Amino acid sequence: MSNKTITPYSEESYPPVPTRATRFWRNFVPWQALRFFILNLKIIRIVVGGHS
């Protein structure tokens, strides 16, 4: 048997905190707009390909 102690609410229980750069890119509207259009183009390709 293992005698490993599990402590509730330890540091490992919480999600990682995003870095400053990650927060910037998540809130940068031009980047979000670009990603939005790229995603829409991918979806359009799938839909058009399925209707051929």
Protein backbone atom coordinates (compact mmCIF):
# COMPACT_ATOMS: atom_id res chain seq x y z
CA MET A 1 0.00 0.00 0.00
CA SER A 2 1.11 3.51 -0.71
CA ASN A 3 1.28 6.05 2.09
CA LYS A 4 0.92 9.01 -0.27
CA THR A 5 -1.12 11.77 1.34
CA ILE A 6 -3.55 13.67 -0.85
CA THR A 7 -4.22 17.17 0.38
CA PRO A 8 -7.42 18.85 -0.75
CA TYR A 9 -7.20 22.36 -2.11
CA SER A 10 -3.50 22.03 -2.84
CA GLU A 11 -1.80 24.10 -5.52
CA GLU A 12 -2.29 21.26 -8.03
CA SER A 13 -6.07 21.52 -7.59
CA TYR A 14 -6.30 24.90 -9.31
CA PRO A 15 -6.04 25.58 -13.06
CA PRO A 16 -2.96 27.35 -14.38
CA VAL A 17 -3.13 31.14 -14.57
CA PRO A 18 -2.75 32.47 -18.14
CA THR A 19 0.34 34.53 -18.86
CA ARG A 20 0.21 38.23 -19.68
CA ALA A 21 0.76 37.47 -23.38
CA THR A 22 -2.07 34.93 -23.41
CA ARG A 23 -4.45 37.43 -21.86
CA PHE A 24 -3.38 40.04 -24.43
CA TRP A 25 -4.08 37.79 -27.45
CA ARG A 26 -7.43 36.69 -26.01
CA ASN A 27 -8.54 40.33 -25.71
CA PHE A 28 -6.94 41.75 -28.90
CA VAL A 29 -9.94 42.41 -31.17
CA PRO A 30 -8.09 42.42 -34.56
CA TRP A 31 -6.58 39.00 -33.76
CA GLN A 32 -9.99 37.65 -32.73
CA ALA A 33 -11.53 38.97 -35.96
CA LEU A 34 -8.82 37.27 -38.05
CA ARG A 35 -9.30 33.96 -36.23
CA PHE A 36 -13.08 34.30 -36.68
CA PHE A 37 -12.75 34.68 -40.47
CA ILE A 38 -10.25 31.82 -40.74
CA LEU A 39 -12.59 29.54 -38.80
CA ASN A 40 -15.53 30.55 -40.99
CA LEU A 41 -13.53 29.81 -44.15
CA LYS A 42 -12.72 26.33 -42.83
CA ILE A 43 -16.40 25.69 -42.08
CA ILE A 44 -17.45 26.96 -45.53
CA ARG A 45 -14.94 24.58 -47.18
CA ILE A 46 -16.41 21.63 -45.26
CA VAL A 47 -20.01 22.58 -46.10
CA VAL A 48 -19.32 23.24 -49.78
CA GLY A 49 -17.32 20.02 -50.05
CA GLY A 50 -20.22 18.06 -48.60
CA HIS A 51 -22.70 19.45 -51.15
CA SER A 52 -20.69 18.44 -54.21
